[in-house]
Amino acid sequence: IAEALGTTEKAARARLRHYEHLTW
């Protein structure tokens, strides 16, 4: 996932967590 996003694993995990818990 990190490679596909063009980022580090740490940043990819953070992005996944951010969006998994995002509410509008």
PDBML (XML) file of the C-alpha atoms, coordinates in Angstrom:
<?xml version="1.0" encoding="UTF-8" ?>
<PDBx:datablock datablockName="MODEL"
   xmlns:PDBx="http://pdbml.pdb.org/schema/pdbx-v50.xsd"
   xmlns:xsi="http://www.w3.org/2001/XMLSchema-instance"
   xsi:schemaLocation="http://pdbml.pdb.org/schema/pdbx-v50.xsd pdbx-v50.xsd">
   <PDBx:atom_siteCategory>
      <PDBx:atom_site id="1">
         <PDBx:B_iso_or_equiv>0.00</PDBx:B_iso_or_equiv>
         <PDBx:Cartn_x>0.000</PDBx:Cartn_x>
         <PDBx:Cartn_y>0.000</PDBx:Cartn_y>
         <PDBx:Cartn_z>0.000</PDBx:Cartn_z>
         <PDBx:auth_asym_id>A</PDBx:auth_asym_id>
         <PDBx:auth_atom_id>CA</PDBx:auth_atom_id>
         <PDBx:auth_comp_id>ILE</PDBx:auth_comp_id>
         <PDBx:auth_seq_id>1</PDBx:auth_seq_id>
         <PDBx:group_PDB>ATOM</PDBx:group_PDB>
         <PDBx:label_alt_id xsi:nil="true" />
         <PDBx:label_asym_id>A</PDBx:label_asym_id>
         <PDBx:label_atom_id>CA</PDBx:label_atom_id>
         <PDBx:label_comp_id>ILE</PDBx:label_comp_id>
         <PDBx:label_entity_id>1</PDBx:label_entity_id>
         <PDBx:label_seq_id>1</PDBx:label_seq_id>
         <PDBx:occupancy>1.00</PDBx:occupancy>
         <PDBx:pdbx_PDB_model_num>1</PDBx:pdbx_PDB_model_num>
         <PDBx:type_symbol>C</PDBx:type_symbol>
      </PDBx:atom_site>
      <PDBx:atom_site id="2">
         <PDBx:B_iso_or_equiv>0.00</PDBx:B_iso_or_equiv>
         <PDBx:Cartn_x>2.847</PDBx:Cartn_x>
         <PDBx:Cartn_y>2.368</PDBx:Cartn_y>
         <PDBx:Cartn_z>0.892</PDBx:Cartn_z>
         <PDBx:auth_asym_id>A</PDBx:auth_asym_id>
         <PDBx:auth_atom_id>CA</PDBx:auth_atom_id>
         <PDBx:auth_comp_id>ALA</PDBx:auth_comp_id>
         <PDBx:auth_seq_id>2</PDBx:auth_seq_id>
         <PDBx:group_PDB>ATOM</PDBx:group_PDB>
         <PDBx:label_alt_id xsi:nil="true" />
         <PDBx:label_asym_id>A</PDBx:label_asym_id>
         <PDBx:label_atom_id>CA</PDBx:label_atom_id>
         <PDBx:label_comp_id>ALA</PDBx:label_comp_id>
         <PDBx:label_entity_id>1</PDBx:label_entity_id>
         <PDBx:label_seq_id>2</PDBx:label_seq_id>
         <PDBx:occupancy>1.00</PDBx:occupancy>
         <PDBx:pdbx_PDB_model_num>1</PDBx:pdbx_PDB_model_num>
         <PDBx:type_symbol>C</PDBx:type_symbol>
      </PDBx:atom_site>
      <PDBx:atom_site id="3">
         <PDBx:B_iso_or_equiv>0.00</PDBx:B_iso_or_equiv>
         <PDBx:Cartn_x>4.551</PDBx:Cartn_x>
         <PDBx:Cartn_y>1.715</PDBx:Cartn_y>
         <PDBx:Cartn_z>-2.437</PDBx:Cartn_z>
         <PDBx:auth_asym_id>A</PDBx:auth_asym_id>
         <PDBx:auth_atom_id>CA</PDBx:auth_atom_id>
         <PDBx:auth_comp_id>GLU</PDBx:auth_comp_id>
         <PDBx:auth_seq_id>3</PDBx:auth_seq_id>
         <PDBx:group_PDB>ATOM</PDBx:group_PDB>
         <PDBx:label_alt_id xsi:nil="true" />
         <PDBx:label_asym_id>A</PDBx:label_asym_id>
         <PDBx:label_atom_id>CA</PDBx:label_atom_id>
         <PDBx:label_comp_id>GLU</PDBx:label_comp_id>
         <PDBx:label_entity_id>1</PDBx:label_entity_id>
         <PDBx:label_seq_id>3</PDBx:label_seq_id>
         <PDBx:occupancy>1.00</PDBx:occupancy>
         <PDBx:pdbx_PDB_model_num>1</PDBx:pdbx_PDB_model_num>
         <PDBx:type_symbol>C</PDBx:type_symbol>
      </PDBx:atom_site>
      <PDBx:atom_site id="4">
         <PDBx:B_iso_or_equiv>0.00</PDBx:B_iso_or_equiv>
         <PDBx:Cartn_x>1.301</PDBx:Cartn_x>
         <PDBx:Cartn_y>2.274</PDBx:Cartn_y>
         <PDBx:Cartn_z>-4.322</PDBx:Cartn_z>
         <PDBx:auth_asym_id>A</PDBx:auth_asym_id>
         <PDBx:auth_atom_id>CA</PDBx:auth_atom_id>
         <PDBx:auth_comp_id>ALA</PDBx:auth_comp_id>
         <PDBx:auth_seq_id>4</PDBx:auth_seq_id>
         <PDBx:group_PDB>ATOM</PDBx:group_PDB>
         <PDBx:label_alt_id xsi:nil="true" />
         <PDBx:label_asym_id>A</PDBx:label_asym_id>
         <PDBx:label_atom_id>CA</PDBx:label_atom_id>
         <PDBx:label_comp_id>ALA</PDBx:label_comp_id>
         <PDBx:label_entity_id>1</PDBx:label_entity_id>
         <PDBx:label_seq_id>4</PDBx:label_seq_id>
         <PDBx:occupancy>1.00</PDBx:occupancy>
         <PDBx:pdbx_PDB_model_num>1</PDBx:pdbx_PDB_model_num>
         <PDBx:type_symbol>C</PDBx:type_symbol>
      </PDBx:atom_site>
      <PDBx:atom_site id="5">
         <PDBx:B_iso_or_equiv>0.00</PDBx:B_iso_or_equiv>
         <PDBx:Cartn_x>0.765</PDBx:Cartn_x>
         <PDBx:Cartn_y>5.553</PDBx:Cartn_y>
         <PDBx:Cartn_z>-2.465</PDBx:Cartn_z>
         <PDBx:auth_asym_id>A</PDBx:auth_asym_id>
         <PDBx:auth_atom_id>CA</PDBx:auth_atom_id>
         <PDBx:auth_comp_id>LEU</PDBx:auth_comp_id>
         <PDBx:auth_seq_id>5</PDBx:auth_seq_id>
         <PDBx:group_PDB>ATOM</PDBx:group_PDB>
         <PDBx:label_alt_id xsi:nil="true" />
         <PDBx:label_asym_id>A</PDBx:label_asym_id>
         <PDBx:label_atom_id>CA</PDBx:label_atom_id>
         <PDBx:label_comp_id>LEU</PDBx:label_comp_id>
         <PDBx:label_entity_id>1</PDBx:label_entity_id>
         <PDBx:label_seq_id>5</PDBx:label_seq_id>
         <PDBx:occupancy>1.00</PDBx:occupancy>
         <PDBx:pdbx_PDB_model_num>1</PDBx:pdbx_PDB_model_num>
         <PDBx:type_symbol>C</PDBx:type_symbol>
      </PDBx:atom_site>
      <PDBx:atom_site id="6">
         <PDBx:B_iso_or_equiv>0.00</PDBx:B_iso_or_equiv>
         <PDBx:Cartn_x>4.371</PDBx:Cartn_x>
         <PDBx:Cartn_y>6.608</PDBx:Cartn_y>
         <PDBx:Cartn_z>-3.044</PDBx:Cartn_z>
         <PDBx:auth_asym_id>A</PDBx:auth_asym_id>
         <PDBx:auth_atom_id>CA</PDBx:auth_atom_id>
         <PDBx:auth_comp_id>GLY</PDBx:auth_comp_id>
         <PDBx:auth_seq_id>6</PDBx:auth_seq_id>
         <PDBx:group_PDB>ATOM</PDBx:group_PDB>
         <PDBx:label_alt_id xsi:nil="true" />
         <PDBx:label_asym_id>A</PDBx:label_asym_id>
         <PDBx:label_atom_id>CA</PDBx:label_atom_id>
         <PDBx:label_comp_id>GLY</PDBx:label_comp_id>
         <PDBx:label_entity_id>1</PDBx:label_entity_id>
         <PDBx:label_seq_id>6</PDBx:label_seq_id>
         <PDBx:occupancy>1.00</PDBx:occupancy>
         <PDBx:pdbx_PDB_model_num>1</PDBx:pdbx_PDB_model_num>
         <PDBx:type_symbol>C</PDBx:type_symbol>
      </PDBx:atom_site>
      <PDBx:atom_site id="7">
         <PDBx:B_iso_or_equiv>0.00</PDBx:B_iso_or_equiv>
         <PDBx:Cartn_x>5.065</PDBx:Cartn_x>
         <PDBx:Cartn_y>6.976</PDBx:Cartn_y>
         <PDBx:Cartn_z>0.669</PDBx:Cartn_z>
         <PDBx:auth_asym_id>A</PDBx:auth_asym_id>
         <PDBx:auth_atom_id>CA</PDBx:auth_atom_id>
         <PDBx:auth_comp_id>THR</PDBx:auth_comp_id>
         <PDBx:auth_seq_id>7</PDBx:auth_seq_id>
         <PDBx:group_PDB>ATOM</PDBx:group_PDB>
         <PDBx:label_alt_id xsi:nil="true" />
         <PDBx:label_asym_id>A</PDBx:label_asym_id>
         <PDBx:label_atom_id>CA</PDBx:label_atom_id>
         <PDBx:label_comp_id>THR</PDBx:label_comp_id>
         <PDBx:label_entity_id>1</PDBx:label_entity_id>
         <PDBx:label_seq_id>7</PDBx:label_seq_id>
         <PDBx:occupancy>1.00</PDBx:occupancy>
         <PDBx:pdbx_PDB_model_num>1</PDBx:pdbx_PDB_model_num>
         <PDBx:type_symbol>C</PDBx:type_symbol>
      </PDBx:atom_site>
      <PDBx:atom_site id="8">
         <PDBx:B_iso_or_equiv>0.00</PDBx:B_iso_or_equiv>
         <PDBx:Cartn_x>6.575</PDBx:Cartn_x>
         <PDBx:Cartn_y>5.189</PDBx:Cartn_y>
         <PDBx:Cartn_z>3.666</PDBx:Cartn_z>
         <PDBx:auth_asym_id>A</PDBx:auth_asym_id>
         <PDBx:auth_atom_id>CA</PDBx:auth_atom_id>
         <PDBx:auth_comp_id>THR</PDBx:auth_comp_id>
         <PDBx:auth_seq_id>8</PDBx:auth_seq_id>
         <PDBx:group_PDB>ATOM</PDBx:group_PDB>
         <PDBx:label_alt_id xsi:nil="true" />
         <PDBx:label_asym_id>A</PDBx:label_asym_id>
         <PDBx:label_atom_id>CA</PDBx:label_atom_id>
         <PDBx:label_comp_id>THR</PDBx:label_comp_id>
         <PDBx:label_entity_id>1</PDBx:label_entity_id>
         <PDBx:label_seq_id>8</PDBx:label_seq_id>
         <PDBx:occupancy>1.00</PDBx:occupancy>
         <PDBx:pdbx_PDB_model_num>1</PDBx:pdbx_PDB_model_num>
         <PDBx:type_symbol>C</PDBx:type_symbol>
      </PDBx:atom_site>
      <PDBx:atom_site id="9">
         <PDBx:B_iso_or_equiv>0.00</PDBx:B_iso_or_equiv>
         <PDBx:Cartn_x>4.858</PDBx:Cartn_x>
         <PDBx:Cartn_y>2.345</PDBx:Cartn_y>
         <PDBx:Cartn_z>5.530</PDBx:Cartn_z>
         <PDBx:auth_asym_id>A</PDBx:auth_asym_id>
         <PDBx:auth_atom_id>CA</PDBx:auth_atom_id>
         <PDBx:auth_comp_id>GLU</PDBx:auth_comp_id>
         <PDBx:auth_seq_id>9</PDBx:auth_seq_id>
         <PDBx:group_PDB>ATOM</PDBx:group_PDB>
         <PDBx:label_alt_id xsi:nil="true" />
         <PDBx:label_asym_id>A</PDBx:label_asym_id>
         <PDBx:label_atom_id>CA</PDBx:label_atom_id>
         <PDBx:label_comp_id>GLU</PDBx:label_comp_id>
         <PDBx:label_entity_id>1</PDBx:label_entity_id>
         <PDBx:label_seq_id>9</PDBx:label_seq_id>
         <PDBx:occupancy>1.00</PDBx:occupancy>
         <PDBx:pdbx_PDB_model_num>1</PDBx:pdbx_PDB_model_num>
         <PDBx:type_symbol>C</PDBx:type_symbol>
      </PDBx:atom_site>
      <PDBx:atom_site id="10">
         <PDBx:B_iso_or_equiv>0.00</PDBx:B_iso_or_equiv>
         <PDBx:Cartn_x>4.521</PDBx:Cartn_x>
         <PDBx:Cartn_y>4.562</PDBx:Cartn_y>
         <PDBx:Cartn_z>8.591</PDBx:Cartn_z>
         <PDBx:auth_asym_id>A</PDBx:auth_asym_id>
         <PDBx:auth_atom_id>CA</PDBx:auth_atom_id>
         <PDBx:auth_comp_id>LYS</PDBx:auth_comp_id>
         <PDBx:auth_seq_id>10</PDBx:auth_seq_id>
         <PDBx:group_PDB>ATOM</PDBx:group_PDB>
         <PDBx:label_alt_id xsi:nil="true" />
         <PDBx:label_asym_id>A</PDBx:label_asym_id>
         <PDBx:label_atom_id>CA</PDBx:label_atom_id>
         <PDBx:label_comp_id>LYS</PDBx:label_comp_id>
         <PDBx:label_entity_id>1</PDBx:label_entity_id>
         <PDBx:label_seq_id>10</PDBx:label_seq_id>
         <PDBx:occupancy>1.00</PDBx:occupancy>
         <PDBx:pdbx_PDB_model_num>1</PDBx:pdbx_PDB_model_num>
         <PDBx:type_symbol>C</PDBx:type_symbol>
      </PDBx:atom_site>
      <PDBx:atom_site id="11">
         <PDBx:B_iso_or_equiv>0.00</PDBx:B_iso_or_equiv>
         <PDBx:Cartn_x>2.863</PDBx:Cartn_x>
         <PDBx:Cartn_y>7.321</PDBx:Cartn_y>
         <PDBx:Cartn_z>6.548</PDBx:Cartn_z>
         <PDBx:auth_asym_id>A</PDBx:auth_asym_id>
         <PDBx:auth_atom_id>CA</PDBx:auth_atom_id>
         <PDBx:auth_comp_id>ALA</PDBx:auth_comp_id>
         <PDBx:auth_seq_id>11</PDBx:auth_seq_id>
         <PDBx:group_PDB>ATOM</PDBx:group_PDB>
         <PDBx:label_alt_id xsi:nil="true" />
         <PDBx:label_asym_id>A</PDBx:label_asym_id>
         <PDBx:label_atom_id>CA</PDBx:label_atom_id>
         <PDBx:label_comp_id>ALA</PDBx:label_comp_id>
         <PDBx:label_entity_id>1</PDBx:label_entity_id>
         <PDBx:label_seq_id>11</PDBx:label_seq_id>
         <PDBx:occupancy>1.00</PDBx:occupancy>
         <PDBx:pdbx_PDB_model_num>1</PDBx:pdbx_PDB_model_num>
         <PDBx:type_symbol>C</PDBx:type_symbol>
      </PDBx:atom_site>
      <PDBx:atom_site id="12">
         <PDBx:B_iso_or_equiv>0.00</PDBx:B_iso_or_equiv>
         <PDBx:Cartn_x>0.603</PDBx:Cartn_x>
         <PDBx:Cartn_y>4.792</PDBx:Cartn_y>
         <PDBx:Cartn_z>4.786</PDBx:Cartn_z>
         <PDBx:auth_asym_id>A</PDBx:auth_asym_id>
         <PDBx:auth_atom_id>CA</PDBx:auth_atom_id>
         <PDBx:auth_comp_id>ALA</PDBx:auth_comp_id>
         <PDBx:auth_seq_id>12</PDBx:auth_seq_id>
         <PDBx:group_PDB>ATOM</PDBx:group_PDB>
         <PDBx:label_alt_id xsi:nil="true" />
         <PDBx:label_asym_id>A</PDBx:label_asym_id>
         <PDBx:label_atom_id>CA</PDBx:label_atom_id>
         <PDBx:label_comp_id>ALA</PDBx:label_comp_id>
         <PDBx:label_entity_id>1</PDBx:label_entity_id>
         <PDBx:label_seq_id>12</PDBx:label_seq_id>
         <PDBx:occupancy>1.00</PDBx:occupancy>
         <PDBx:pdbx_PDB_model_num>1</PDBx:pdbx_PDB_model_num>
         <PDBx:type_symbol>C</PDBx:type_symbol>
      </PDBx:atom_site>
      <PDBx:atom_site id="13">
         <PDBx:B_iso_or_equiv>0.00</PDBx:B_iso_or_equiv>
         <PDBx:Cartn_x>-0.553</PDBx:Cartn_x>
         <PDBx:Cartn_y>3.340</PDBx:Cartn_y>
         <PDBx:Cartn_z>8.121</PDBx:Cartn_z>
         <PDBx:auth_asym_id>A</PDBx:auth_asym_id>
         <PDBx:auth_atom_id>CA</PDBx:auth_atom_id>
         <PDBx:auth_comp_id>ARG</PDBx:auth_comp_id>
         <PDBx:auth_seq_id>13</PDBx:auth_seq_id>
         <PDBx:group_PDB>ATOM</PDBx:group_PDB>
         <PDBx:label_alt_id xsi:nil="true" />
         <PDBx:label_asym_id>A</PDBx:label_asym_id>
         <PDBx:label_atom_id>CA</PDBx:label_atom_id>
         <PDBx:label_comp_id>ARG</PDBx:label_comp_id>
         <PDBx:label_entity_id>1</PDBx:label_entity_id>
         <PDBx:label_seq_id>13</PDBx:label_seq_id>
         <PDBx:occupancy>1.00</PDBx:occupancy>
         <PDBx:pdbx_PDB_model_num>1</PDBx:pdbx_PDB_model_num>
         <PDBx:type_symbol>C</PDBx:type_symbol>
      </PDBx:atom_site>
      <PDBx:atom_site id="14">
         <PDBx:B_iso_or_equiv>0.00</PDBx:B_iso_or_equiv>
         <PDBx:Cartn_x>-1.225</PDBx:Cartn_x>
         <PDBx:Cartn_y>6.858</PDBx:Cartn_y>
         <PDBx:Cartn_z>9.407</PDBx:Cartn_z>
         <PDBx:auth_asym_id>A</PDBx:auth_asym_id>
         <PDBx:auth_atom_id>CA</PDBx:auth_atom_id>
         <PDBx:auth_comp_id>ALA</PDBx:auth_comp_id>
         <PDBx:auth_seq_id>14</PDBx:auth_seq_id>
         <PDBx:group_PDB>ATOM</PDBx:group_PDB>
         <PDBx:label_alt_id xsi:nil="true" />
         <PDBx:label_asym_id>A</PDBx:label_asym_id>
         <PDBx:label_atom_id>CA</PDBx:label_atom_id>
         <PDBx:label_comp_id>ALA</PDBx:label_comp_id>
         <PDBx:label_entity_id>1</PDBx:label_entity_id>
         <PDBx:label_seq_id>14</PDBx:label_seq_id>
         <PDBx:occupancy>1.00</PDBx:occupancy>
         <PDBx:pdbx_PDB_model_num>1</PDBx:pdbx_PDB_model_num>
         <PDBx:type_symbol>C</PDBx:type_symbol>
      </PDBx:atom_site>
      <PDBx:atom_site id="15">
         <PDBx:B_iso_or_equiv>0.00</PDBx:B_iso_or_equiv>
         <PDBx:Cartn_x>-3.230</PDBx:Cartn_x>
         <PDBx:Cartn_y>7.714</PDBx:Cartn_y>
         <PDBx:Cartn_z>6.284</PDBx:Cartn_z>
         <PDBx:auth_asym_id>A</PDBx:auth_asym_id>
         <PDBx:auth_atom_id>CA</PDBx:auth_atom_id>
         <PDBx:auth_comp_id>ARG</PDBx:auth_comp_id>
         <PDBx:auth_seq_id>15</PDBx:auth_seq_id>
         <PDBx:group_PDB>ATOM</PDBx:group_PDB>
         <PDBx:label_alt_id xsi:nil="true" />
         <PDBx:label_asym_id>A</PDBx:label_asym_id>
         <PDBx:label_atom_id>CA</PDBx:label_atom_id>
         <PDBx:label_comp_id>ARG</PDBx:label_comp_id>
         <PDBx:label_entity_id>1</PDBx:label_entity_id>
         <PDBx:label_seq_id>15</PDBx:label_seq_id>
         <PDBx:occupancy>1.00</PDBx:occupancy>
         <PDBx:pdbx_PDB_model_num>1</PDBx:pdbx_PDB_model_num>
         <PDBx:type_symbol>C</PDBx:type_symbol>
      </PDBx:atom_site>
      <PDBx:atom_site id="16">
         <PDBx:B_iso_or_equiv>0.00</PDBx:B_iso_or_equiv>
         <PDBx:Cartn_x>-5.268</PDBx:Cartn_x>
         <PDBx:Cartn_y>4.506</PDBx:Cartn_y>
         <PDBx:Cartn_z>6.579</PDBx:Cartn_z>
         <PDBx:auth_asym_id>A</PDBx:auth_asym_id>
         <PDBx:auth_atom_id>CA</PDBx:auth_atom_id>
         <PDBx:auth_comp_id>LEU</PDBx:auth_comp_id>
         <PDBx:auth_seq_id>16</PDBx:auth_seq_id>
         <PDBx:group_PDB>ATOM</PDBx:group_PDB>
         <PDBx:label_alt_id xsi:nil="true" />
         <PDBx:label_asym_id>A</PDBx:label_asym_id>
         <PDBx:label_atom_id>CA</PDBx:label_atom_id>
         <PDBx:label_comp_id>LEU</PDBx:label_comp_id>
         <PDBx:label_entity_id>1</PDBx:label_entity_id>
         <PDBx:label_seq_id>16</PDBx:label_seq_id>
         <PDBx:occupancy>1.00</PDBx:occupancy>
         <PDBx:pdbx_PDB_model_num>1</PDBx:pdbx_PDB_model_num>
         <PDBx:type_symbol>C</PDBx:type_symbol>
      </PDBx:atom_site>
      <PDBx:atom_site id="17">
         <PDBx:B_iso_or_equiv>0.00</PDBx:B_iso_or_equiv>
         <PDBx:Cartn_x>-6.004</PDBx:Cartn_x>
         <PDBx:Cartn_y>5.192</PDBx:Cartn_y>
         <PDBx:Cartn_z>10.268</PDBx:Cartn_z>
         <PDBx:auth_asym_id>A</PDBx:auth_asym_id>
         <PDBx:auth_atom_id>CA</PDBx:auth_atom_id>
         <PDBx:auth_comp_id>ARG</PDBx:auth_comp_id>
         <PDBx:auth_seq_id>17</PDBx:auth_seq_id>
         <PDBx:group_PDB>ATOM</PDBx:group_PDB>
         <PDBx:label_alt_id xsi:nil="true" />
         <PDBx:label_asym_id>A</PDBx:label_asym_id>
         <PDBx:label_atom_id>CA</PDBx:label_atom_id>
         <PDBx:label_comp_id>ARG</PDBx:label_comp_id>
         <PDBx:label_entity_id>1</PDBx:label_entity_id>
         <PDBx:label_seq_id>17</PDBx:label_seq_id>
         <PDBx:occupancy>1.00</PDBx:occupancy>
         <PDBx:pdbx_PDB_model_num>1</PDBx:pdbx_PDB_model_num>
         <PDBx:type_symbol>C</PDBx:type_symbol>
      </PDBx:atom_site>
      <PDBx:atom_site id="18">
         <PDBx:B_iso_or_equiv>0.00</PDBx:B_iso_or_equiv>
         <PDBx:Cartn_x>-6.911</PDBx:Cartn_x>
         <PDBx:Cartn_y>8.811</PDBx:Cartn_y>
         <PDBx:Cartn_z>9.497</PDBx:Cartn_z>
         <PDBx:auth_asym_id>A</PDBx:auth_asym_id>
         <PDBx:auth_atom_id>CA</PDBx:auth_atom_id>
         <PDBx:auth_comp_id>HIS</PDBx:auth_comp_id>
         <PDBx:auth_seq_id>18</PDBx:auth_seq_id>
         <PDBx:group_PDB>ATOM</PDBx:group_PDB>
         <PDBx:label_alt_id xsi:nil="true" />
         <PDBx:label_asym_id>A</PDBx:label_asym_id>
         <PDBx:label_atom_id>CA</PDBx:label_atom_id>
         <PDBx:label_comp_id>HIS</PDBx:label_comp_id>
         <PDBx:label_entity_id>1</PDBx:label_entity_id>
         <PDBx:label_seq_id>18</PDBx:label_seq_id>
         <PDBx:occupancy>1.00</PDBx:occupancy>
         <PDBx:pdbx_PDB_model_num>1</PDBx:pdbx_PDB_model_num>
         <PDBx:type_symbol>C</PDBx:type_symbol>
      </PDBx:atom_site>
      <PDBx:atom_site id="19">
         <PDBx:B_iso_or_equiv>0.00</PDBx:B_iso_or_equiv>
         <PDBx:Cartn_x>-9.437</PDBx:Cartn_x>
         <PDBx:Cartn_y>7.875</PDBx:Cartn_y>
         <PDBx:Cartn_z>6.836</PDBx:Cartn_z>
         <PDBx:auth_asym_id>A</PDBx:auth_asym_id>
         <PDBx:auth_atom_id>CA</PDBx:auth_atom_id>
         <PDBx:auth_comp_id>TYR</PDBx:auth_comp_id>
         <PDBx:auth_seq_id>19</PDBx:auth_seq_id>
         <PDBx:group_PDB>ATOM</PDBx:group_PDB>
         <PDBx:label_alt_id xsi:nil="true" />
         <PDBx:label_asym_id>A</PDBx:label_asym_id>
         <PDBx:label_atom_id>CA</PDBx:label_atom_id>
         <PDBx:label_comp_id>TYR</PDBx:label_comp_id>
         <PDBx:label_entity_id>1</PDBx:label_entity_id>
         <PDBx:label_seq_id>19</PDBx:label_seq_id>
         <PDBx:occupancy>1.00</PDBx:occupancy>
         <PDBx:pdbx_PDB_model_num>1</PDBx:pdbx_PDB_model_num>
         <PDBx:type_symbol>C</PDBx:type_symbol>
      </PDBx:atom_site>
      <PDBx:atom_site id="20">
         <PDBx:B_iso_or_equiv>0.00</PDBx:B_iso_or_equiv>
         <PDBx:Cartn_x>-10.798</PDBx:Cartn_x>
         <PDBx:Cartn_y>4.808</PDBx:Cartn_y>
         <PDBx:Cartn_z>8.628</PDBx:Cartn_z>
         <PDBx:auth_asym_id>A</PDBx:auth_asym_id>
         <PDBx:auth_atom_id>CA</PDBx:auth_atom_id>
         <PDBx:auth_comp_id>GLU</PDBx:auth_comp_id>
         <PDBx:auth_seq_id>20</PDBx:auth_seq_id>
         <PDBx:group_PDB>ATOM</PDBx:group_PDB>
         <PDBx:label_alt_id xsi:nil="true" />
         <PDBx:label_asym_id>A</PDBx:label_asym_id>
         <PDBx:label_atom_id>CA</PDBx:label_atom_id>
         <PDBx:label_comp_id>GLU</PDBx:label_comp_id>
         <PDBx:label_entity_id>1</PDBx:label_entity_id>
         <PDBx:label_seq_id>20</PDBx:label_seq_id>
         <PDBx:occupancy>1.00</PDBx:occupancy>
         <PDBx:pdbx_PDB_model_num>1</PDBx:pdbx_PDB_model_num>
         <PDBx:type_symbol>C</PDBx:type_symbol>
      </PDBx:atom_site>
      <PDBx:atom_site id="21">
         <PDBx:B_iso_or_equiv>0.00</PDBx:B_iso_or_equiv>
         <PDBx:Cartn_x>-11.900</PDBx:Cartn_x>
         <PDBx:Cartn_y>7.042</PDBx:Cartn_y>
         <PDBx:Cartn_z>11.499</PDBx:Cartn_z>
         <PDBx:auth_asym_id>A</PDBx:auth_asym_id>
         <PDBx:auth_atom_id>CA</PDBx:auth_atom_id>
         <PDBx:auth_comp_id>HIS</PDBx:auth_comp_id>
         <PDBx:auth_seq_id>21</PDBx:auth_seq_id>
         <PDBx:group_PDB>ATOM</PDBx:group_PDB>
         <PDBx:label_alt_id xsi:nil="true" />
         <PDBx:label_asym_id>A</PDBx:label_asym_id>
         <PDBx:label_atom_id>CA</PDBx:label_atom_id>
         <PDBx:label_comp_id>HIS</PDBx:label_comp_id>
         <PDBx:label_entity_id>1</PDBx:label_entity_id>
         <PDBx:label_seq_id>21</PDBx:label_seq_id>
         <PDBx:occupancy>1.00</PDBx:occupancy>
         <PDBx:pdbx_PDB_model_num>1</PDBx:pdbx_PDB_model_num>
         <PDBx:type_symbol>C</PDBx:type_symbol>
      </PDBx:atom_site>
      <PDBx:atom_site id="22">
         <PDBx:B_iso_or_equiv>0.00</PDBx:B_iso_or_equiv>
         <PDBx:Cartn_x>-12.868</PDBx:Cartn_x>
         <PDBx:Cartn_y>10.147</PDBx:Cartn_y>
         <PDBx:Cartn_z>9.540</PDBx:Cartn_z>
         <PDBx:auth_asym_id>A</PDBx:auth_asym_id>
         <PDBx:auth_atom_id>CA</PDBx:auth_atom_id>
         <PDBx:auth_comp_id>LEU</PDBx:auth_comp_id>
         <PDBx:auth_seq_id>22</PDBx:auth_seq_id>
         <PDBx:group_PDB>ATOM</PDBx:group_PDB>
         <PDBx:label_alt_id xsi:nil="true" />
         <PDBx:label_asym_id>A</PDBx:label_asym_id>
         <PDBx:label_atom_id>CA</PDBx:label_atom_id>
         <PDBx:label_comp_id>LEU</PDBx:label_comp_id>
         <PDBx:label_entity_id>1</PDBx:label_entity_id>
         <PDBx:label_seq_id>22</PDBx:label_seq_id>
         <PDBx:occupancy>1.00</PDBx:occupancy>
         <PDBx:pdbx_PDB_model_num>1</PDBx:pdbx_PDB_model_num>
         <PDBx:type_symbol>C</PDBx:type_symbol>
      </PDBx:atom_site>
      <PDBx:atom_site id="23">
         <PDBx:B_iso_or_equiv>0.00</PDBx:B_iso_or_equiv>
         <PDBx:Cartn_x>-16.451</PDBx:Cartn_x>
         <PDBx:Cartn_y>11.283</PDBx:Cartn_y>
         <PDBx:Cartn_z>9.993</PDBx:Cartn_z>
         <PDBx:auth_asym_id>A</PDBx:auth_asym_id>
         <PDBx:auth_atom_id>CA</PDBx:auth_atom_id>
         <PDBx:auth_comp_id>THR</PDBx:auth_comp_id>
         <PDBx:auth_seq_id>23</PDBx:auth_seq_id>
         <PDBx:group_PDB>ATOM</PDBx:group_PDB>
         <PDBx:label_alt_id xsi:nil="true" />
         <PDBx:label_asym_id>A</PDBx:label_asym_id>
         <PDBx:label_atom_id>CA</PDBx:label_atom_id>
         <PDBx:label_comp_id>THR</PDBx:label_comp_id>
         <PDBx:label_entity_id>1</PDBx:label_entity_id>
         <PDBx:label_seq_id>23</PDBx:label_seq_id>
         <PDBx:occupancy>1.00</PDBx:occupancy>
         <PDBx:pdbx_PDB_model_num>1</PDBx:pdbx_PDB_model_num>
         <PDBx:type_symbol>C</PDBx:type_symbol>
      </PDBx:atom_site>
      <PDBx:atom_site id="24">
         <PDBx:B_iso_or_equiv>0.00</PDBx:B_iso_or_equiv>
         <PDBx:Cartn_x>-18.370</PDBx:Cartn_x>
         <PDBx:Cartn_y>14.096</PDBx:Cartn_y>
         <PDBx:Cartn_z>8.379</PDBx:Cartn_z>
         <PDBx:auth_asym_id>A</PDBx:auth_asym_id>
         <PDBx:auth_atom_id>CA</PDBx:auth_atom_id>
         <PDBx:auth_comp_id>TRP</PDBx:auth_comp_id>
         <PDBx:auth_seq_id>24</PDBx:auth_seq_id>
         <PDBx:group_PDB>ATOM</PDBx:group_PDB>
         <PDBx:label_alt_id xsi:nil="true" />
         <PDBx:label_asym_id>A</PDBx:label_asym_id>
         <PDBx:label_atom_id>CA</PDBx:label_atom_id>
         <PDBx:label_comp_id>TRP</PDBx:label_comp_id>
         <PDBx:label_entity_id>1</PDBx:label_entity_id>
         <PDBx:label_seq_id>24</PDBx:label_seq_id>
         <PDBx:occupancy>1.00</PDBx:occupancy>
         <PDBx:pdbx_PDB_model_num>1</PDBx:pdbx_PDB_model_num>
         <PDBx:type_symbol>C</PDBx:type_symbol>
      </PDBx:atom_site>
   </PDBx:atom_siteCategory>
</PDBx:datablock>
